[in-house]
Amino acid sequence: FVYGAEADIGYSGIEGDDAGIEAKGGFEGSLRARLGYAVTPEILLYGTAGGALKNQEIEAGGVSDENTMLGWTAGVGTDIKITDNVFGRVEYRYTDFGDKDFDGVGKVKSSDNRVTFGVGMKF
């Protein structure tokens, strides 16, 4: 078994509007625990879960409001050995950022599904 902690931070430049309400994403991140099992010397399967946050801006009728939304995230993935120190990663995560009251709009709920691909290095 393998266990540890992971953190990530990123920026979502996503924008959208509907019925006169405009939404813009911003910085987001998470802090998670990770538990995995090496099914072979080259393949590690793992689960991950923890807290998540993101910055969200909502504008409606000339009123703009910005809040930090707090929630949770959970997912599964695999690390695949490329060399002794380098591995590839594929991960799926669902994130629920909860809901928050925004001026001029009311309660806004936000969630996210994502698949990520990466390359990592062991030290």
Foldseek 3Di string as FASTA:
>chain_A
DDKDKDKDKDFDQDWDDDPQKIKGWTIKMWIKIKDWDAPDPFKIKIKIKGKMKTKMWMDGPRDIWIDIFIWMKIWIKMWGDPDPWKTKIKIWMKIWSQWDQTPPPGIDTDIDIDIDIDMGTDD
